[in-house]
Amino acid sequence: ITDCVPQVQAAATAAAAGGTLAALTAATVAEIT
């Protein structure tokens, strides 16, 4: 989401865009392309 937000608004911003704040692992970081 390319609207700049403070960290305290990150989860609500993700939800408003129809998703959830990402939970990453060492393996899924490679998928962030």
Full PDB file with SEQRES, HELIX, SHEET, SSBOND, CRYST1, ORIGX, SCALE, CONECT and MASTER records, all heavy atoms in Angstrom:
SEQRES   1 A   33  ILE THR ASP CYS VAL PRO GLN VAL GLN ALA ALA ALA THR          
SEQRES   2 A   33  ALA ALA ALA ALA GLY GLY THR LEU ALA ALA LEU THR ALA          
SEQRES   3 A   33  ALA THR VAL ALA GLU ILE THR                                  
HELIX    1 AA1 GLN A    7  GLN A    9  5                                   3    
HELIX    2 AA2 ALA A   10  ALA A   16  1                                   7    
HELIX    3 AA3 ALA A   26  VAL A   29  1                                   4    
CRYST1    1.000    1.000    1.000  90.00  90.00  90.00 P 1           1          
ORIGX1      1.000000  0.000000  0.000000        0.00000                         
ORIGX2      0.000000  1.000000  0.000000        0.00000                         
ORIGX3      0.000000  0.000000  1.000000        0.00000                         
SCALE1      1.000000  0.000000  0.000000        0.00000                         
SCALE2      0.000000  1.000000  0.000000        0.00000                         
SCALE3      0.000000  0.000000  1.000000        0.00000                         
ATOM      1  N   ILE A   1       0.875  -1.162   0.000  1.00  0.00           N  
ATOM      2  CA  ILE A   1       0.000   0.000   0.000  1.00  0.00           C  
ATOM      3  C   ILE A   1       0.914   1.214   0.000  1.00  0.00           C  
ATOM      4  O   ILE A   1       1.717   1.394   0.919  1.00  0.00           O  
ATOM      5  CB  ILE A   1      -0.916  -0.008   1.233  1.00  0.00           C  
ATOM      6  CG1 ILE A   1      -1.761  -1.281   1.211  1.00  0.00           C  
ATOM      7  CG2 ILE A   1      -1.791   1.241   1.270  1.00  0.00           C  
ATOM      8  CD1 ILE A   1      -2.267  -1.715   2.550  1.00  0.00           C  
ATOM      9  N   THR A   2       0.824   2.019  -1.043  1.00  0.00           N  
ATOM     10  CA  THR A   2       1.803   3.088  -1.227  1.00  0.00           C  
ATOM     11  C   THR A   2       1.369   4.415  -0.620  1.00  0.00           C  
ATOM     12  O   THR A   2       1.902   5.463  -0.965  1.00  0.00           O  
ATOM     13  CB  THR A   2       2.158   3.262  -2.710  1.00  0.00           C  
ATOM     14  OG1 THR A   2       0.969   3.491  -3.455  1.00  0.00           O  
ATOM     15  CG2 THR A   2       2.877   2.028  -3.236  1.00  0.00           C  
ATOM     16  N   ASP A   3       0.399   4.380   0.278  1.00  0.00           N  
ATOM     17  CA  ASP A   3       0.132   5.539   1.122  1.00  0.00           C  
ATOM     18  C   ASP A   3       1.076   5.426   2.316  1.00  0.00           C  
ATOM     19  O   ASP A   3       1.136   4.382   2.957  1.00  0.00           O  
ATOM     20  CB  ASP A   3      -1.307   5.535   1.644  1.00  0.00           C  
ATOM     21  CG  ASP A   3      -2.311   5.990   0.597  1.00  0.00           C  
ATOM     22  OD1 ASP A   3      -1.880   6.615  -0.388  1.00  0.00           O  
ATOM     23  OD2 ASP A   3      -3.501   5.714   0.772  1.00  0.00           O  
ATOM     24  N   CYS A   4       1.808   6.480   2.601  1.00  0.00           N  
ATOM     25  CA  CYS A   4       2.742   6.458   3.730  1.00  0.00           C  
ATOM     26  C   CYS A   4       1.965   6.621   5.031  1.00  0.00           C  
ATOM     27  O   CYS A   4       1.188   7.562   5.169  1.00  0.00           O  
ATOM     28  CB  CYS A   4       3.757   7.581   3.587  1.00  0.00           C  
ATOM     29  SG  CYS A   4       4.774   7.434   2.121  1.00  0.00           S  
ATOM     30  N   VAL A   5       2.159   5.678   5.951  1.00  0.00           N  
ATOM     31  CA  VAL A   5       1.440   5.738   7.228  1.00  0.00           C  
ATOM     32  C   VAL A   5       2.402   5.466   8.374  1.00  0.00           C  
ATOM     33  O   VAL A   5       3.406   4.773   8.207  1.00  0.00           O  
ATOM     34  CB  VAL A   5       0.276   4.717   7.287  1.00  0.00           C  
ATOM     35  CG1 VAL A   5      -0.729   4.981   6.191  1.00  0.00           C  
ATOM     36  CG2 VAL A   5       0.787   3.299   7.216  1.00  0.00           C  
ATOM     37  N   PRO A   6       2.093   5.988   9.571  1.00  0.00           N  
ATOM     38  CA  PRO A   6       2.887   5.639  10.746  1.00  0.00           C  
ATOM     39  C   PRO A   6       2.686   4.168  11.091  1.00  0.00           C  
ATOM     40  O   PRO A   6       1.662   3.567  10.736  1.00  0.00           O  
ATOM     41  CB  PRO A   6       2.342   6.532  11.860  1.00  0.00           C  
ATOM     42  CG  PRO A   6       1.368   7.451  11.238  1.00  0.00           C  
ATOM     43  CD  PRO A   6       1.046   6.946   9.880  1.00  0.00           C  
ATOM     44  N   GLN A   7       3.634   3.592  11.802  1.00  0.00           N  
ATOM     45  CA  GLN A   7       3.563   2.174  12.139  1.00  0.00           C  
ATOM     46  C   GLN A   7       2.283   1.824  12.884  1.00  0.00           C  
ATOM     47  O   GLN A   7       1.705   0.765  12.661  1.00  0.00           O  
ATOM     48  CB  GLN A   7       4.790   1.777  12.966  1.00  0.00           C  
ATOM     49  CG  GLN A   7       4.908   0.287  13.225  1.00  0.00           C  
ATOM     50  CD  GLN A   7       4.097  -0.160  14.430  1.00  0.00           C  
ATOM     51  OE1 GLN A   7       3.895   0.602  15.370  1.00  0.00           O  
ATOM     52  NE2 GLN A   7       3.644  -1.396  14.405  1.00  0.00           N  
ATOM     53  N   VAL A   8       1.793   2.696  13.740  1.00  0.00           N  
ATOM     54  CA  VAL A   8       0.602   2.393  14.527  1.00  0.00           C  
ATOM     55  C   VAL A   8      -0.648   2.261  13.669  1.00  0.00           C  
ATOM     56  O   VAL A   8      -1.653   1.709  14.117  1.00  0.00           O  
ATOM     57  CB  VAL A   8       0.367   3.440  15.643  1.00  0.00           C  
ATOM     58  CG1 VAL A   8       1.479   3.374  16.679  1.00  0.00           C  
ATOM     59  CG2 VAL A   8       0.266   4.842  15.055  1.00  0.00           C  
ATOM     60  N   GLN A   9      -0.596   2.726  12.426  1.00  0.00           N  
ATOM     61  CA  GLN A   9      -1.735   2.610  11.524  1.00  0.00           C  
ATOM     62  C   GLN A   9      -1.574   1.490  10.502  1.00  0.00           C  
ATOM     63  O   GLN A   9      -2.450   1.278   9.662  1.00  0.00           O  
ATOM     64  CB  GLN A   9      -1.967   3.922  10.785  1.00  0.00           C  
ATOM     65  CG  GLN A   9      -2.361   5.076  11.686  1.00  0.00           C  
ATOM     66  CD  GLN A   9      -2.490   6.379  10.928  1.00  0.00           C  
ATOM     67  OE1 GLN A   9      -2.380   6.422   9.703  1.00  0.00           O  
ATOM     68  NE2 GLN A   9      -2.710   7.460  11.641  1.00  0.00           N  
ATOM     69  N   ALA A  10      -0.481   0.755  10.561  1.00  0.00           N  
ATOM     70  CA  ALA A  10      -0.185  -0.227   9.515  1.00  0.00           C  
ATOM     71  C   ALA A  10      -1.238  -1.322   9.414  1.00  0.00           C  
ATOM     72  O   ALA A  10      -1.698  -1.650   8.314  1.00  0.00           O  
ATOM     73  CB  ALA A  10       1.198  -0.833   9.745  1.00  0.00           C  
ATOM     74  N   ALA A  11      -1.639  -1.922  10.533  1.00  0.00           N  
ATOM     75  CA  ALA A  11      -2.611  -3.018  10.485  1.00  0.00           C  
ATOM     76  C   ALA A  11      -3.961  -2.539   9.967  1.00  0.00           C  
ATOM     77  O   ALA A  11      -4.588  -3.203   9.137  1.00  0.00           O  
ATOM     78  CB  ALA A  11      -2.761  -3.654  11.862  1.00  0.00           C  
ATOM     79  N   ALA A  12      -4.418  -1.382  10.428  1.00  0.00           N  
ATOM     80  CA  ALA A  12      -5.696  -0.847   9.967  1.00  0.00           C  
ATOM     81  C   ALA A  12      -5.644  -0.495   8.488  1.00  0.00           C  
ATOM     82  O   ALA A  12      -6.628  -0.684   7.759  1.00  0.00           O  
ATOM     83  CB  ALA A  12      -6.079   0.378  10.795  1.00  0.00           C  
ATOM     84  N   THR A  13      -4.508   0.002   8.019  1.00  0.00           N  
ATOM     85  CA  THR A  13      -4.344   0.335   6.605  1.00  0.00           C  
ATOM     86  C   THR A  13      -4.419  -0.917   5.754  1.00  0.00           C  
ATOM     87  O   THR A  13      -5.061  -0.929   4.696  1.00  0.00           O  
ATOM     88  CB  THR A  13      -3.007   1.064   6.382  1.00  0.00           C  
ATOM     89  OG1 THR A  13      -2.995   2.252   7.188  1.00  0.00           O  
ATOM     90  CG2 THR A  13      -2.808   1.446   4.938  1.00  0.00           C  
ATOM     91  N   ALA A  14      -3.771  -2.001   6.198  1.00  0.00           N  
ATOM     92  CA  ALA A  14      -3.828  -3.271   5.468  1.00  0.00           C  
ATOM     93  C   ALA A  14      -5.254  -3.798   5.407  1.00  0.00           C  
ATOM     94  O   ALA A  14      -5.717  -4.258   4.355  1.00  0.00           O  
ATOM     95  CB  ALA A  14      -2.913  -4.298   6.124  1.00  0.00           C  
ATOM     96  N   ALA A  15      -5.974  -3.728   6.519  1.00  0.00           N  
ATOM     97  CA  ALA A  15      -7.355  -4.207   6.554  1.00  0.00           C  
ATOM     98  C   ALA A  15      -8.248  -3.380   5.635  1.00  0.00           C  
ATOM     99  O   ALA A  15      -9.102  -3.919   4.924  1.00  0.00           O  
ATOM    100  CB  ALA A  15      -7.881  -4.189   7.983  1.00  0.00           C  
ATOM    101  N   ALA A  16      -8.045  -2.066   5.624  1.00  0.00           N  
ATOM    102  CA  ALA A  16      -8.858  -1.193   4.778  1.00  0.00           C  
ATOM    103  C   ALA A  16      -8.642  -1.472   3.295  1.00  0.00           C  
ATOM    104  O   ALA A  16      -9.533  -1.241   2.476  1.00  0.00           O  
ATOM    105  CB  ALA A  16      -8.546   0.266   5.096  1.00  0.00           C  
ATOM    106  N   ALA A  17      -7.472  -2.000   2.954  1.00  0.00           N  
ATOM    107  CA  ALA A  17      -7.170  -2.332   1.565  1.00  0.00           C  
ATOM    108  C   ALA A  17      -7.571  -3.760   1.209  1.00  0.00           C  
ATOM    109  O   ALA A  17      -7.280  -4.241   0.120  1.00  0.00           O  
ATOM    110  CB  ALA A  17      -5.680  -2.124   1.288  1.00  0.00           C  
ATOM    111  N   GLY A  18      -8.207  -4.466   2.153  1.00  0.00           N  
ATOM    112  CA  GLY A  18      -8.696  -5.812   1.872  1.00  0.00           C  
ATOM    113  C   GLY A  18      -7.711  -6.920   2.143  1.00  0.00           C  
ATOM    114  O   GLY A  18      -7.869  -8.037   1.635  1.00  0.00           O  
ATOM    115  N   GLY A  19      -6.695  -6.669   2.945  1.00  0.00           N  
ATOM    116  CA  GLY A  19      -5.720  -7.704   3.277  1.00  0.00           C  
ATOM    117  C   GLY A  19      -5.422  -7.714   4.761  1.00  0.00           C  
ATOM    118  O   GLY A  19      -6.184  -7.190   5.566  1.00  0.00           O  
ATOM    119  N   THR A  20      -4.298  -8.318   5.104  1.00  0.00           N  
ATOM    120  CA  THR A  20      -3.828  -8.320   6.486  1.00  0.00           C  
ATOM    121  C   THR A  20      -2.362  -7.934   6.481  1.00  0.00           C  
ATOM    122  O   THR A  20      -1.657  -8.148   5.484  1.00  0.00           O  
ATOM    123  CB  THR A  20      -3.962  -9.716   7.133  1.00  0.00           C  
ATOM    124  OG1 THR A  20      -3.222 -10.661   6.349  1.00  0.00           O  
ATOM    125  CG2 THR A  20      -5.411 -10.154   7.216  1.00  0.00           C  
ATOM    126  N   LEU A  21      -1.896  -7.378   7.583  1.00  0.00           N  
ATOM    127  CA  LEU A  21      -0.486  -7.019   7.691  1.00  0.00           C  
ATOM    128  C   LEU A  21       0.340  -8.289   7.509  1.00  0.00           C  
ATOM    129  O   LEU A  21       0.075  -9.307   8.140  1.00  0.00           O  
ATOM    130  CB  LEU A  21      -0.234  -6.382   9.056  1.00  0.00           C  
ATOM    131  CG  LEU A  21       1.020  -5.544   9.234  1.00  0.00           C  
ATOM    132  CD1 LEU A  21       1.101  -4.419   8.214  1.00  0.00           C  
ATOM    133  CD2 LEU A  21       1.075  -4.984  10.639  1.00  0.00           C  
ATOM    134  N   ALA A  22       1.308  -8.277   6.621  1.00  0.00           N  
ATOM    135  CA  ALA A  22       2.049  -9.484   6.241  1.00  0.00           C  
ATOM    136  C   ALA A  22       2.830 -10.084   7.405  1.00  0.00           C  
ATOM    137  O   ALA A  22       3.427  -9.366   8.204  1.00  0.00           O  
ATOM    138  CB  ALA A  22       3.010  -9.170   5.102  1.00  0.00           C  
ATOM    139  N   ALA A  23       2.796 -11.396   7.489  1.00  0.00           N  
ATOM    140  CA  ALA A  23       3.623 -12.170   8.413  1.00  0.00           C  
ATOM    141  C   ALA A  23       4.639 -12.905   7.555  1.00  0.00           C  
ATOM    142  O   ALA A  23       4.265 -13.739   6.731  1.00  0.00           O  
ATOM    143  CB  ALA A  23       2.765 -13.143   9.213  1.00  0.00           C  
ATOM    144  N   LEU A  24       5.910 -12.583   7.706  1.00  0.00           N  
ATOM    145  CA  LEU A  24       6.948 -13.135   6.840  1.00  0.00           C  
ATOM    146  C   LEU A  24       7.775 -14.197   7.539  1.00  0.00           C  
ATOM    147  O   LEU A  24       7.873 -14.229   8.767  1.00  0.00           O  
ATOM    148  CB  LEU A  24       7.875 -12.024   6.346  1.00  0.00           C  
ATOM    149  CG  LEU A  24       7.238 -10.903   5.536  1.00  0.00           C  
ATOM    150  CD1 LEU A  24       8.303  -9.888   5.127  1.00  0.00           C  
ATOM    151  CD2 LEU A  24       6.503 -11.446   4.324  1.00  0.00           C  
ATOM    152  N   THR A  25       8.380 -15.050   6.736  1.00  0.00           N  
ATOM    153  CA  THR A  25       9.386 -16.001   7.199  1.00  0.00           C  
ATOM    154  C   THR A  25      10.618 -15.804   6.323  1.00  0.00           C  
ATOM    155  O   THR A  25      10.559 -15.113   5.298  1.00  0.00           O  
ATOM    156  CB  THR A  25       8.896 -17.453   7.055  1.00  0.00           C  
ATOM    157  OG1 THR A  25       8.745 -17.748   5.658  1.00  0.00           O  
ATOM    158  CG2 THR A  25       7.580 -17.683   7.781  1.00  0.00           C  
ATOM    159  N   ALA A  26      11.713 -16.431   6.706  1.00  0.00           N  
ATOM    160  CA  ALA A  26      12.923 -16.341   5.884  1.00  0.00           C  
ATOM    161  C   ALA A  26      12.640 -16.815   4.462  1.00  0.00           C  
ATOM    162  O   ALA A  26      13.193 -16.286   3.501  1.00  0.00           O  
ATOM    163  CB  ALA A  26      14.044 -17.150   6.522  1.00  0.00           C  
ATOM    164  N   ALA A  27      11.752 -17.805   4.312  1.00  0.00           N  
ATOM    165  CA  ALA A  27      11.425 -18.334   2.984  1.00  0.00           C  
ATOM    166  C   ALA A  27      10.546 -17.373   2.180  1.00  0.00           C  
ATOM    167  O   ALA A  27      10.761 -17.174   0.985  1.00  0.00           O  
ATOM    168  CB  ALA A  27      10.735 -19.687   3.109  1.00  0.00           C  
ATOM    169  N   THR A  28       9.549 -16.758   2.821  1.00  0.00           N  
ATOM    170  CA  THR A  28       8.640 -15.905   2.059  1.00  0.00           C  
ATOM    171  C   THR A  28       9.247 -14.550   1.719  1.00  0.00           C  
ATOM    172  O   THR A  28       8.770 -13.888   0.788  1.00  0.00           O  
ATOM    173  CB  THR A  28       7.297 -15.691   2.803  1.00  0.00           C  
ATOM    174  OG1 THR A  28       7.551 -15.129   4.087  1.00  0.00           O  
ATOM    175  CG2 THR A  28       6.520 -16.986   2.930  1.00  0.00           C  
ATOM    176  N   VAL A  29      10.296 -14.144   2.408  1.00  0.00           N  
ATOM    177  CA  VAL A  29      10.953 -12.881   2.047  1.00  0.00           C  
ATOM    178  C   VAL A  29      11.423 -12.946   0.589  1.00  0.00           C  
ATOM    179  O   VAL A  29      11.349 -11.952  -0.136  1.00  0.00           O  
ATOM    180  CB  VAL A  29      12.137 -12.581   2.998  1.00  0.00           C  
ATOM    181  CG1 VAL A  29      13.052 -11.507   2.425  1.00  0.00           C  
ATOM    182  CG2 VAL A  29      11.606 -12.139   4.352  1.00  0.00           C  
ATOM    183  N   ALA A  30      11.851 -14.107   0.145  1.00  0.00           N  
ATOM    184  CA  ALA A  30      12.299 -14.269  -1.239  1.00  0.00           C  
ATOM    185  C   ALA A  30      11.168 -14.055  -2.244  1.00  0.00           C  
ATOM    186  O   ALA A  30      11.412 -13.780  -3.415  1.00  0.00           O  
ATOM    187  CB  ALA A  30      12.919 -15.651  -1.435  1.00  0.00           C  
ATOM    188  N   GLU A  31       9.908 -14.160  -1.783  1.00  0.00           N  
ATOM    189  CA  GLU A  31       8.760 -13.978  -2.666  1.00  0.00           C  
ATOM    190  C   GLU A  31       8.359 -12.509  -2.826  1.00  0.00           C  
ATOM    191  O   GLU A  31       7.488 -12.184  -3.623  1.00  0.00           O  
ATOM    192  CB  GLU A  31       7.558 -14.750  -2.125  1.00  0.00           C  
ATOM    193  CG  GLU A  31       7.759 -16.243  -2.065  1.00  0.00           C  
ATOM    194  CD  GLU A  31       6.552 -16.955  -1.469  1.00  0.00           C  
ATOM    195  OE1 GLU A  31       5.446 -16.376  -1.493  1.00  0.00           O  
ATOM    196  OE2 GLU A  31       6.723 -18.068  -0.984  1.00  0.00           O  
ATOM    197  N   ILE A  32       8.992 -11.636  -2.061  1.00  0.00           N  
ATOM    198  CA  ILE A  32       8.645 -10.213  -2.114  1.00  0.00           C  
ATOM    199  C   ILE A  32       9.403  -9.580  -3.273  1.00  0.00           C  
ATOM    200  O   ILE A  32      10.427  -8.934  -3.105  1.00  0.00           O  
ATOM    201  CB  ILE A  32       8.998  -9.495  -0.789  1.00  0.00           C  
ATOM    202  CG1 ILE A  32       8.470 -10.254   0.410  1.00  0.00           C  
ATOM    203  CG2 ILE A  32       8.477  -8.063  -0.800  1.00  0.00           C  
ATOM    204  CD1 ILE A  32       6.980 -10.342   0.510  1.00  0.00           C  
ATOM    205  N   THR A  33       8.929  -9.826  -4.475  1.00  0.00           N  
ATOM    206  CA  THR A  33       9.568  -9.267  -5.665  1.00  0.00           C  
ATOM    207  C   THR A  33       8.547  -8.480  -6.472  1.00  0.00           C  
ATOM    208  O   THR A  33       7.360  -8.813  -6.494  1.00  0.00           O  
ATOM    209  CB  THR A  33      10.186 -10.370  -6.550  1.00  0.00           C  
ATOM    210  OG1 THR A  33       9.159 -11.281  -6.942  1.00  0.00           O  
ATOM    211  CG2 THR A  33      11.288 -11.115  -5.814  1.00  0.00           C  
TER     212      THR A  33                                                      
MASTER        0    0    0    3    0    0    0    6  211    1    0    3          
END                                                                             
